[in-house]
């Protein structure tokens, strides 16, 4: 089957080996990321997704925060060294998108539509997931590699303090990106009959 959209998302993969050999300017990539998030659907058109885009030294600072926090949990020096090395692979990239969901928006919807109140936090998670996927795919179309990470909530307090983030913004994920410096790992797929049912 040939489909332009499916071709793009099939080629979008997790790339762990990333670098700083990026031709696009931070301004160009900022515009790309912002538009990808703007065009991502959300429940009730709530537009609850928020993002902080970090480049260069600010991006490296974030992964330094994560590395320091994780080292404090390490049981021994070997574990701490492995953690530091892993965080260095993320810092080797050129940027990170911190994805948040605005809890004030979620609470406002719960108050406005009480019949759906318990669903709005779930739908907010759907919204951020779509925004993350859209951004990831958009970066892929520019020839960049990325991987989605989840080091929240261990660094939430530092992130909010360092970049003056409103308390109602809840950190959900981190998309780290850069030039592609290595191939994606092999990916296996379940058989279709294990995942899908079709009736017609």
N, C-alpha and C. Protein backbone atom coordinates (compact mmCIF):
# COMPACT_ATOMS: atom_id res chain seq x y z
N UNK A 1 0.85 -1.20 0.00
CA UNK A 1 0.00 0.00 0.00
C UNK A 1 0.87 1.24 0.00
N UNK A 2 0.58 2.17 -0.88
CA UNK A 2 1.36 3.40 -0.98
C UNK A 2 0.52 4.58 -0.48
N UNK A 3 1.02 5.26 0.55
CA UNK A 3 0.32 6.39 1.13
C UNK A 3 1.37 7.30 1.74
N UNK A 4 1.35 8.57 1.36
CA UNK A 4 2.41 9.50 1.77
C UNK A 4 2.51 9.61 3.30
N UNK A 5 1.36 9.73 3.95
CA UNK A 5 1.37 9.86 5.40
C UNK A 5 1.92 8.60 6.06
N UNK A 6 1.43 7.43 5.61
CA UNK A 6 1.90 6.18 6.18
C UNK A 6 3.39 5.97 5.93
N UNK A 7 3.87 6.43 4.78
CA UNK A 7 5.30 6.32 4.51
C UNK A 7 6.11 7.12 5.54
N UNK A 8 5.61 8.31 5.88
CA UNK A 8 6.31 9.16 6.84
C UNK A 8 6.34 8.54 8.23
N UNK A 9 5.18 8.05 8.69
CA UNK A 9 5.16 7.54 10.05
C UNK A 9 5.82 6.16 10.15
N UNK A 10 5.91 5.46 9.04
CA UNK A 10 6.63 4.19 9.04
C UNK A 10 8.13 4.43 9.19
N UNK A 11 8.62 5.49 8.58
CA UNK A 11 10.05 5.81 8.64
C UNK A 11 10.44 6.54 9.92
N UNK A 12 9.46 7.13 10.59
CA UNK A 12 9.75 7.78 11.86
C UNK A 12 10.03 6.70 12.90
N UNK A 13 11.21 6.72 13.45
CA UNK A 13 11.63 5.70 14.40
C UNK A 13 12.36 6.34 15.58
N UNK A 14 12.52 5.57 16.62
CA UNK A 14 13.32 6.03 17.75
C UNK A 14 14.79 5.97 17.37
N UNK A 15 15.46 7.11 17.47
CA UNK A 15 16.89 7.21 17.16
C UNK A 15 17.61 7.64 18.44
N UNK A 16 18.44 6.76 18.96
CA UNK A 16 19.18 7.08 20.19
C UNK A 16 20.52 7.75 19.90
N UNK A 17 21.12 7.41 18.75
CA UNK A 17 22.42 8.01 18.41
C UNK A 17 22.18 9.32 17.68
N UNK A 18 22.23 10.42 18.42
CA UNK A 18 21.98 11.74 17.84
C UNK A 18 23.15 12.67 18.11
N UNK A 19 23.24 13.71 17.29
CA UNK A 19 24.34 14.66 17.44
C UNK A 19 23.91 16.08 17.17
N UNK A 20 24.89 16.95 17.04
CA UNK A 20 24.63 18.38 16.87
C UNK A 20 24.84 18.85 15.43
N UNK A 21 24.97 17.91 14.49
CA UNK A 21 25.20 18.27 13.09
C UNK A 21 23.89 18.59 12.38
N UNK A 22 23.26 19.65 12.86
CA UNK A 22 21.93 20.04 12.38
C UNK A 22 22.04 21.29 11.53
N UNK A 23 21.51 21.23 10.32
CA UNK A 23 21.57 22.38 9.41
C UNK A 23 20.53 23.44 9.74
N UNK A 24 19.39 23.02 10.23
CA UNK A 24 18.31 23.97 10.48
C UNK A 24 18.62 24.86 11.67
N UNK A 25 18.19 26.10 11.60
CA UNK A 25 18.41 27.04 12.70
C UNK A 25 17.41 26.78 13.82
N UNK A 26 17.74 27.20 15.05
CA UNK A 26 16.77 27.08 16.14
C UNK A 26 15.45 27.79 15.83
N UNK A 27 15.55 28.91 15.11
CA UNK A 27 14.33 29.64 14.76
C UNK A 27 13.43 28.82 13.84
N UNK A 28 14.03 28.17 12.86
CA UNK A 28 13.27 27.33 11.93
C UNK A 28 12.64 26.16 12.67
N UNK A 29 13.41 25.50 13.51
CA UNK A 29 12.91 24.34 14.23
C UNK A 29 11.84 24.74 15.25
N UNK A 30 12.00 25.89 15.86
CA UNK A 30 10.98 26.39 16.77
C UNK A 30 9.66 26.57 16.05
N UNK A 31 9.70 27.17 14.87
CA UNK A 31 8.49 27.37 14.08
C UNK A 31 7.86 26.03 13.70
N UNK A 32 8.70 25.08 13.32
CA UNK A 32 8.23 23.74 12.95
C UNK A 32 7.53 23.07 14.13
N UNK A 33 8.16 23.10 15.29
CA UNK A 33 7.62 22.45 16.48
C UNK A 33 6.32 23.12 16.92
N UNK A 34 6.32 24.44 16.93
CA UNK A 34 5.12 25.16 17.34
C UNK A 34 3.94 24.83 16.43
N UNK A 35 4.19 24.80 15.13
CA UNK A 35 3.11 24.51 14.19
C UNK A 35 2.63 23.07 14.30
N UNK A 36 3.55 22.14 14.55
CA UNK A 36 3.15 20.75 14.73
C UNK A 36 2.21 20.61 15.92
N UNK A 37 2.51 21.31 17.00
CA UNK A 37 1.66 21.25 18.18
C UNK A 37 0.33 21.97 17.94
N UNK A 38 0.39 23.13 17.28
CA UNK A 38 -0.85 23.88 16.99
C UNK A 38 -1.82 23.06 16.16
N UNK A 39 -1.31 22.28 15.22
CA UNK A 39 -2.17 21.52 14.31
C UNK A 39 -2.59 20.17 14.87
N UNK A 40 -2.17 19.87 16.09
CA UNK A 40 -2.55 18.60 16.73
C UNK A 40 -3.92 18.75 17.39
N UNK A 41 -4.83 17.82 17.13
CA UNK A 41 -6.18 17.93 17.71
C UNK A 41 -6.19 17.69 19.22
N UNK A 42 -7.20 18.25 19.86
CA UNK A 42 -7.39 18.07 21.30
C UNK A 42 -8.88 18.01 21.59
N UNK A 43 -9.24 17.37 22.69
CA UNK A 43 -10.66 17.24 23.02
C UNK A 43 -11.29 18.61 23.24
N UNK A 44 -12.47 18.80 22.67
CA UNK A 44 -13.20 20.06 22.76
C UNK A 44 -12.38 21.24 22.25
N UNK A 45 -11.40 20.95 21.39
CA UNK A 45 -10.45 21.97 20.92
C UNK A 45 -9.86 22.74 22.10
N UNK A 46 -9.55 22.02 23.16
CA UNK A 46 -9.08 22.66 24.40
C UNK A 46 -7.68 23.26 24.26
N UNK A 47 -6.89 22.73 23.33
CA UNK A 47 -5.52 23.23 23.11
C UNK A 47 -4.75 23.29 24.43
N UNK A 48 -4.83 22.20 25.17
CA UNK A 48 -4.22 22.16 26.50
C UNK A 48 -2.73 21.87 26.50
N UNK A 49 -2.19 21.47 25.36
CA UNK A 49 -0.76 21.15 25.30
C UNK A 49 0.09 22.41 25.38
N UNK A 50 1.18 22.31 26.12
CA UNK A 50 2.15 23.39 26.25
C UNK A 50 3.53 22.80 25.98
N UNK A 51 4.47 23.63 25.59
CA UNK A 51 5.81 23.12 25.32
C UNK A 51 6.87 24.16 25.67
N UNK A 52 7.98 23.66 26.16
CA UNK A 52 9.19 24.47 26.36
C UNK A 52 10.24 23.85 25.45
N UNK A 53 10.81 24.66 24.58
CA UNK A 53 11.77 24.17 23.59
C UNK A 53 13.17 24.63 24.00
N UNK A 54 14.05 23.68 24.23
CA UNK A 54 15.40 23.97 24.71
C UNK A 54 16.43 23.64 23.63
N UNK A 55 17.34 24.57 23.38
CA UNK A 55 18.41 24.34 22.43
C UNK A 55 19.77 24.52 23.12
N UNK A 56 20.77 23.86 22.53
CA UNK A 56 22.17 24.09 22.90
C UNK A 56 22.41 23.97 24.40
N UNK A 57 22.93 25.02 25.01
CA UNK A 57 23.28 24.96 26.43
C UNK A 57 22.09 24.71 27.34
N UNK A 58 20.94 25.25 26.98
CA UNK A 58 19.75 25.04 27.80
C UNK A 58 19.30 23.58 27.74
N UNK A 59 19.38 23.01 26.56
CA UNK A 59 19.09 21.59 26.37
C UNK A 59 20.06 20.73 27.19
N UNK A 60 21.33 21.04 27.15
CA UNK A 60 22.33 20.29 27.91
C UNK A 60 22.10 20.45 29.42
N UNK A 61 21.67 21.63 29.81
CA UNK A 61 21.39 21.88 31.23
C UNK A 61 20.28 20.95 31.73
N UNK A 62 19.24 20.78 30.92
CA UNK A 62 18.15 19.90 31.33
C UNK A 62 18.65 18.49 31.58
N UNK A 63 19.44 17.95 30.64
CA UNK A 63 19.92 16.57 30.80
C UNK A 63 20.94 16.46 31.94
N UNK A 64 21.59 17.57 32.27
CA UNK A 64 22.44 17.60 33.45
C UNK A 64 21.61 17.48 34.72
N UNK A 65 20.46 18.15 34.75
CA UNK A 65 19.56 18.02 35.90
C UNK A 65 19.12 16.56 36.08
N UNK A 66 18.74 15.93 34.96
CA UNK A 66 18.28 14.55 35.03
C UNK A 66 19.40 13.63 35.51
N UNK A 67 20.59 13.83 34.95
CA UNK A 67 21.74 12.99 35.32
C UNK A 67 22.04 13.12 36.82
N UNK A 68 22.05 14.34 37.33
CA UNK A 68 22.34 14.55 38.75
C UNK A 68 21.29 13.90 39.64
N UNK A 69 20.03 14.04 39.24
CA UNK A 69 18.96 13.45 40.04
C UNK A 69 19.06 11.92 40.05
N UNK A 70 19.29 11.34 38.88
CA UNK A 70 19.39 9.89 38.79
C UNK A 70 20.61 9.35 39.55
N UNK A 71 21.70 10.09 39.51
CA UNK A 71 22.90 9.66 40.24
C UNK A 71 22.64 9.59 41.74
N UNK A 72 21.76 10.46 42.22
CA UNK A 72 21.45 10.45 43.65
C UNK A 72 20.69 9.19 44.05
N UNK A 73 20.09 8.52 43.04
CA UNK A 73 19.38 7.28 43.32
C UNK A 73 20.25 6.04 43.10
N UNK A 74 21.42 6.22 42.51
CA UNK A 74 22.27 5.08 42.15
C UNK A 74 22.77 4.34 43.40
N UNK A 75 22.82 3.02 43.28
CA UNK A 75 23.24 2.18 44.41
C UNK A 75 24.75 2.12 44.56
N UNK A 76 25.47 2.32 43.43
CA UNK A 76 26.93 2.24 43.50
C UNK A 76 27.51 3.09 42.37
N UNK A 77 28.84 3.17 42.35
CA UNK A 77 29.52 4.01 41.36
C UNK A 77 29.32 3.51 39.93
N UNK A 78 29.25 2.20 39.78
CA UNK A 78 29.05 1.64 38.44
C UNK A 78 27.70 2.05 37.87
N UNK A 79 26.67 1.97 38.69
CA UNK A 79 25.33 2.37 38.25
C UNK A 79 25.29 3.86 37.94
N UNK A 80 25.95 4.65 38.77
CA UNK A 80 26.00 6.09 38.55
C UNK A 80 26.70 6.42 37.25
N UNK A 81 27.78 5.70 36.95
CA UNK A 81 28.53 5.93 35.71
C UNK A 81 27.69 5.58 34.48
N UNK A 82 26.93 4.49 34.58
CA UNK A 82 26.07 4.09 33.46
C UNK A 82 24.99 5.13 33.21
N UNK A 83 24.43 5.64 34.30
CA UNK A 83 23.39 6.67 34.19
C UNK A 83 23.95 7.92 33.54
N UNK A 84 25.12 8.35 34.00
CA UNK A 84 25.75 9.54 33.45
C UNK A 84 26.03 9.37 31.96
N UNK A 85 26.49 8.20 31.57
CA UNK A 85 26.78 7.94 30.16
C UNK A 85 25.52 7.97 29.32
N UNK A 86 24.44 7.41 29.84
CA UNK A 86 23.18 7.42 29.08
C UNK A 86 22.66 8.84 28.91
N UNK A 87 22.70 9.63 29.96
CA UNK A 87 22.23 11.02 29.86
C UNK A 87 23.10 11.83 28.90
N UNK A 88 24.37 11.47 28.81
CA UNK A 88 25.27 12.15 27.88
C UNK A 88 24.86 11.92 26.43
N UNK A 89 24.26 10.74 26.15
CA UNK A 89 23.81 10.48 24.77
C UNK A 89 22.65 11.38 24.41
N UNK A 90 21.83 11.74 25.38
CA UNK A 90 20.74 12.68 25.12
C UNK A 90 21.28 14.10 24.99
N UNK A 91 22.19 14.47 25.88
CA UNK A 91 22.78 15.81 25.83
C UNK A 91 23.56 16.03 24.54
N UNK A 92 23.99 14.93 23.88
CA UNK A 92 24.75 15.04 22.63
C UNK A 92 23.91 15.59 21.49
N UNK A 93 22.58 15.57 21.65
CA UNK A 93 21.69 16.12 20.63
C UNK A 93 21.72 17.62 20.62
N UNK A 94 20.83 18.20 19.83
CA UNK A 94 20.82 19.66 19.70
C UNK A 94 19.68 20.33 20.45
N UNK A 95 18.63 19.56 20.78
CA UNK A 95 17.50 20.19 21.46
C UNK A 95 16.58 19.19 22.14
N UNK A 96 15.71 19.73 22.97
CA UNK A 96 14.71 18.93 23.67
C UNK A 96 13.41 19.73 23.73
N UNK A 97 12.32 19.04 23.46
CA UNK A 97 11.00 19.64 23.65
C UNK A 97 10.41 19.05 24.92
N UNK A 98 10.11 19.90 25.88
CA UNK A 98 9.44 19.48 27.11
C UNK A 98 7.94 19.67 26.89
N UNK A 99 7.19 18.59 26.95
CA UNK A 99 5.75 18.64 26.75
C UNK A 99 5.02 18.71 28.08
N UNK A 100 4.09 19.64 28.17
CA UNK A 100 3.29 19.83 29.37
C UNK A 100 1.81 19.80 29.00
N UNK A 101 0.96 19.58 30.00
CA UNK A 101 -0.47 19.77 29.85
C UNK A 101 -0.92 20.79 30.90
N UNK A 102 -1.69 21.78 30.45
CA UNK A 102 -2.15 22.85 31.32
C UNK A 102 -3.33 22.34 32.16
N UNK A 103 -3.09 22.15 33.44
CA UNK A 103 -4.11 21.59 34.33
C UNK A 103 -5.26 22.56 34.58
N UNK A 104 -5.02 23.85 34.39
CA UNK A 104 -6.11 24.82 34.53
C UNK A 104 -7.15 24.62 33.43
N UNK A 105 -6.66 24.27 32.23
CA UNK A 105 -7.58 23.99 31.13
C UNK A 105 -8.41 22.75 31.44
N UNK A 106 -7.75 21.72 31.95
CA UNK A 106 -8.43 20.48 32.28
C UNK A 106 -9.49 20.73 33.37
N UNK A 107 -9.12 21.45 34.42
CA UNK A 107 -10.05 21.73 35.50
C UNK A 107 -11.22 22.59 35.02
N UNK A 108 -10.92 23.54 34.13
CA UNK A 108 -11.98 24.39 33.59
C UNK A 108 -13.01 23.59 32.82
N UNK A 109 -12.53 22.63 32.05
CA UNK A 109 -13.44 21.76 31.29
C UNK A 109 -14.25 20.88 32.23
N UNK A 110 -13.62 20.40 33.30
CA UNK A 110 -14.34 19.57 34.27
C UNK A 110 -15.47 20.35 34.93
N UNK A 111 -15.23 21.63 35.19
CA UNK A 111 -16.26 22.47 35.80
C UNK A 111 -17.36 22.81 34.80
N UNK A 112 -16.96 23.03 33.55
CA UNK A 112 -17.93 23.41 32.52
C UNK A 112 -18.80 22.24 32.07
N UNK A 113 -18.19 21.05 32.06
CA UNK A 113 -18.90 19.85 31.60
C UNK A 113 -18.76 18.75 32.65
N UNK A 114 -19.46 18.87 33.79
CA UNK A 114 -19.28 17.91 34.89
C UNK A 114 -19.61 16.47 34.53
N UNK A 115 -20.48 16.27 33.54
CA UNK A 115 -20.82 14.90 33.15
C UNK A 115 -19.62 14.14 32.61
N UNK A 116 -18.63 14.88 32.05
CA UNK A 116 -17.43 14.27 31.48
C UNK A 116 -16.19 14.48 32.35
N UNK A 117 -16.40 14.94 33.58
CA UNK A 117 -15.28 15.39 34.41
C UNK A 117 -14.17 14.36 34.53
N UNK A 118 -14.53 13.10 34.74
CA UNK A 118 -13.49 12.09 34.96
C UNK A 118 -12.71 11.77 33.69
N UNK A 119 -13.26 12.15 32.55
CA UNK A 119 -12.60 11.85 31.28
C UNK A 119 -11.59 12.90 30.84
N UNK A 120 -11.74 14.13 31.30
CA UNK A 120 -10.88 15.19 30.78
C UNK A 120 -9.39 14.97 31.07
N UNK A 121 -8.99 14.45 32.24
CA UNK A 121 -7.56 14.14 32.41
C UNK A 121 -7.07 13.08 31.43
N UNK A 122 -7.92 12.11 31.14
CA UNK A 122 -7.56 11.08 30.16
C UNK A 122 -7.42 11.69 28.78
N UNK A 123 -8.38 12.53 28.41
CA UNK A 123 -8.34 13.15 27.08
C UNK A 123 -7.16 14.11 26.95
N UNK A 124 -6.73 14.70 28.06
CA UNK A 124 -5.54 15.56 28.03
C UNK A 124 -4.30 14.73 27.70
N UNK A 125 -4.26 13.49 28.24
CA UNK A 125 -3.15 12.60 27.91
C UNK A 125 -3.17 12.24 26.42
N UNK A 126 -4.37 12.07 25.87
CA UNK A 126 -4.49 11.83 24.43
C UNK A 126 -3.92 13.03 23.67
N UNK A 127 -4.28 14.23 24.11
CA UNK A 127 -3.85 15.44 23.42
C UNK A 127 -2.33 15.57 23.39
N UNK A 128 -1.70 15.34 24.55
CA UNK A 128 -0.25 15.48 24.57
C UNK A 128 0.42 14.40 23.75
N UNK A 129 -0.16 13.18 23.75
CA UNK A 129 0.42 12.10 22.94
C UNK A 129 0.38 12.46 21.46
N UNK A 130 -0.74 13.01 21.01
CA UNK A 130 -0.84 13.40 19.60
C UNK A 130 0.15 14.51 19.29
N UNK A 131 0.28 15.49 20.19
CA UNK A 131 1.23 16.58 19.97
C UNK A 131 2.67 16.06 19.91
N UNK A 132 2.98 15.09 20.76
CA UNK A 132 4.32 14.50 20.76
C UNK A 132 4.59 13.76 19.45
N UNK A 133 3.62 12.98 19.03
CA UNK A 133 3.77 12.22 17.79
C UNK A 133 3.89 13.15 16.58
N UNK A 134 3.08 14.19 16.54
CA UNK A 134 3.13 15.14 15.44
C UNK A 134 4.49 15.83 15.37
N UNK A 135 4.98 16.24 16.52
CA UNK A 135 6.28 16.92 16.58
C UNK A 135 7.40 15.98 16.16
N UNK A 136 7.35 14.77 16.66
CA UNK A 136 8.35 13.76 16.34
C UNK A 136 8.38 13.50 14.84
N UNK A 137 7.21 13.35 14.24
CA UNK A 137 7.14 13.09 12.80
C UNK A 137 7.62 14.30 12.01
N UNK A 138 7.26 15.50 12.45
CA UNK A 138 7.70 16.71 11.77
C UNK A 138 9.23 16.82 11.78
N UNK A 139 9.84 16.51 12.90
CA UNK A 139 11.31 16.53 12.98
C UNK A 139 11.92 15.48 12.07
N UNK A 140 11.27 14.32 11.99
CA UNK A 140 11.74 13.27 11.09
C UNK A 140 11.73 13.75 9.64
N UNK A 141 10.71 14.49 9.25
CA UNK A 141 10.64 14.96 7.86
C UNK A 141 11.78 15.91 7.52
N UNK A 142 12.42 16.46 8.56
CA UNK A 142 13.57 17.35 8.36
C UNK A 142 14.88 16.58 8.42
N UNK A 143 14.79 15.26 8.49
CA UNK A 143 16.00 14.44 8.53
C UNK A 143 16.63 14.34 9.90
N UNK A 144 15.89 14.71 10.94
CA UNK A 144 16.42 14.65 12.30
C UNK A 144 15.97 13.38 13.01
N UNK A 145 16.76 12.94 13.97
CA UNK A 145 16.43 11.78 14.78
C UNK A 145 15.96 12.24 16.14
N UNK A 146 15.12 11.41 16.78
CA UNK A 146 14.60 11.78 18.09
C UNK A 146 14.20 10.54 18.88
N UNK A 147 14.08 10.72 20.19
CA UNK A 147 13.53 9.67 21.05
C UNK A 147 12.71 10.35 22.14
N UNK A 148 11.65 9.68 22.53
CA UNK A 148 10.75 10.23 23.55
C UNK A 148 11.12 9.66 24.91
N UNK A 149 11.34 10.54 25.87
CA UNK A 149 11.76 10.15 27.21
C UNK A 149 10.75 10.61 28.25
N UNK A 150 10.80 9.98 29.43
CA UNK A 150 9.87 10.31 30.50
C UNK A 150 10.62 10.35 31.83
N UNK A 151 11.27 11.46 32.10
CA UNK A 151 11.99 11.61 33.36
C UNK A 151 11.24 12.54 34.32
N UNK A 152 9.97 12.74 34.03
CA UNK A 152 9.09 13.40 34.98
C UNK A 152 8.53 12.31 35.91
N UNK A 153 8.28 12.55 37.16
CA UNK A 153 8.31 13.86 37.82
C UNK A 153 9.61 14.17 38.57
N UNK A 154 10.66 13.37 38.38
CA UNK A 154 11.84 13.55 39.24
C UNK A 154 12.54 14.90 39.05
N UNK A 155 12.34 15.53 37.88
CA UNK A 155 12.99 16.81 37.65
C UNK A 155 11.99 17.96 37.55
N UNK A 156 10.74 17.70 37.85
CA UNK A 156 9.71 18.73 37.69
C UNK A 156 10.04 20.01 38.45
N UNK A 157 10.43 19.85 39.69
CA UNK A 157 10.68 21.02 40.53
C UNK A 157 11.80 21.89 39.95
N UNK A 158 12.88 21.26 39.50
CA UNK A 158 13.99 22.01 38.91
C UNK A 158 13.58 22.68 37.61
N UNK A 159 12.82 21.97 36.78
CA UNK A 159 12.37 22.52 35.50
C UNK A 159 11.51 23.75 35.72
N UNK A 160 10.57 23.67 36.64
CA UNK A 160 9.69 24.80 36.90
C UNK A 160 10.46 26.01 37.43
N UNK A 161 11.44 25.75 38.27
CA UNK A 161 12.23 26.84 38.83
C UNK A 161 13.18 27.45 37.80
N UNK A 162 13.87 26.60 37.04
CA UNK A 162 14.89 27.07 36.10
C UNK A 162 14.30 27.88 34.96
N UNK A 163 13.17 27.44 34.43
CA UNK A 163 12.61 28.11 33.25
C UNK A 163 11.30 28.84 33.55
N UNK A 164 11.06 29.10 34.82
CA UNK A 164 9.91 29.90 35.26
C UNK A 164 8.60 29.37 34.65
N UNK A 165 8.33 28.11 34.90
CA UNK A 165 7.15 27.45 34.36
C UNK A 165 6.00 27.56 35.37
N UNK A 166 4.83 27.89 34.88
CA UNK A 166 3.66 28.01 35.74
C UNK A 166 3.35 26.67 36.42
N UNK A 167 2.88 26.74 37.66
CA UNK A 167 2.60 25.52 38.42
C UNK A 167 1.55 24.64 37.75
N UNK A 168 0.64 25.25 37.02
CA UNK A 168 -0.45 24.49 36.40
C UNK A 168 -0.01 23.74 35.14
N UNK A 169 1.23 23.94 34.70
CA UNK A 169 1.77 23.17 33.58
C UNK A 169 2.36 21.89 34.15
N UNK A 170 1.81 20.74 33.74
CA UNK A 170 2.27 19.45 34.24
C UNK A 170 3.14 18.78 33.20
N UNK A 171 4.40 18.49 33.56
CA UNK A 171 5.35 17.87 32.63
C UNK A 171 4.94 16.44 32.33
N UNK A 172 4.88 16.10 31.04
CA UNK A 172 4.41 14.78 30.63
C UNK A 172 5.47 13.96 29.89
N UNK A 173 6.35 14.62 29.12
CA UNK A 173 7.35 13.87 28.34
C UNK A 173 8.42 14.82 27.82
N UNK A 174 9.52 14.21 27.38
CA UNK A 174 10.63 14.99 26.81
C UNK A 174 11.05 14.35 25.49
N UNK A 175 11.00 15.13 24.42
CA UNK A 175 11.42 14.65 23.10
C UNK A 175 12.80 15.24 22.80
N UNK A 176 13.82 14.41 22.81
CA UNK A 176 15.18 14.87 22.56
C UNK A 176 15.52 14.59 21.10
N UNK A 177 16.15 15.57 20.43
CA UNK A 177 16.38 15.42 18.99
C UNK A 177 17.74 15.98 18.58
N UNK A 178 18.18 15.54 17.40
CA UNK A 178 19.45 16.00 16.84
C UNK A 178 19.70 15.33 15.52
N UNK A 179 20.90 15.48 15.02
CA UNK A 179 21.26 14.83 13.77
C UNK A 179 21.31 13.32 13.97
N UNK A 180 21.01 12.58 12.91
CA UNK A 180 21.02 11.12 12.98
C UNK A 180 22.46 10.63 12.87
N UNK A 181 22.94 9.99 13.93
CA UNK A 181 24.32 9.50 13.96
C UNK A 181 24.40 7.98 14.02
N UNK A 182 23.24 7.32 13.95
CA UNK A 182 23.21 5.86 13.97
C UNK A 182 21.84 5.37 13.57
N UNK A 183 21.76 4.12 13.17
CA UNK A 183 20.51 3.55 12.69
C UNK A 183 19.54 3.24 13.84
N UNK A 184 18.27 3.19 13.49
CA UNK A 184 17.25 2.77 14.46
C UNK A 184 17.39 1.27 14.72
N UNK A 185 16.99 0.84 15.88
CA UNK A 185 17.02 -0.58 16.20
C UNK A 185 15.93 -1.30 15.41
N UNK A 186 16.12 -2.58 15.22
CA UNK A 186 15.12 -3.38 14.50
C UNK A 186 13.81 -3.37 15.27
N UNK A 187 12.71 -3.37 14.52
CA UNK A 187 11.39 -3.32 15.14
C UNK A 187 10.54 -4.49 14.66
N UNK A 188 10.01 -5.24 15.60
CA UNK A 188 9.13 -6.35 15.27
C UNK A 188 7.68 -5.93 15.44
N UNK A 189 6.80 -6.56 14.69
CA UNK A 189 5.38 -6.25 14.75
C UNK A 189 4.58 -7.50 15.10
N UNK A 190 3.56 -7.34 15.92
CA UNK A 190 2.63 -8.42 16.19
C UNK A 190 1.85 -8.76 14.92
N UNK A 191 1.40 -9.97 14.83
CA UNK A 191 0.55 -10.34 13.71
C UNK A 191 -0.75 -9.55 13.77
N UNK A 192 -1.27 -9.19 12.61
CA UNK A 192 -2.48 -8.37 12.56
C UNK A 192 -3.65 -9.01 13.30
N UNK A 193 -3.77 -10.32 13.24
CA UNK A 193 -4.93 -10.96 13.86
C UNK A 193 -4.88 -10.91 15.39
N UNK A 194 -3.72 -10.50 15.94
CA UNK A 194 -3.61 -10.32 17.39
C UNK A 194 -4.02 -8.91 17.82
N UNK A 195 -4.11 -8.01 16.84
CA UNK A 195 -4.38 -6.61 17.19
C UNK A 195 -5.68 -6.07 16.63
N UNK A 196 -6.17 -6.66 15.57
CA UNK A 196 -7.30 -6.04 14.87
C UNK A 196 -8.43 -7.03 14.65
N UNK A 197 -9.64 -6.48 14.66
CA UNK A 197 -10.83 -7.22 14.24
C UNK A 197 -11.56 -6.34 13.23
N UNK A 198 -11.98 -6.93 12.13
CA UNK A 198 -12.66 -6.17 11.07
C UNK A 198 -13.98 -6.85 10.76
N UNK A 199 -15.05 -6.06 10.73
CA UNK A 199 -16.38 -6.58 10.40
C UNK A 199 -16.96 -5.74 9.27
N UNK A 200 -17.54 -6.41 8.26
CA UNK A 200 -18.15 -5.65 7.17
C UNK A 200 -19.30 -6.43 6.54
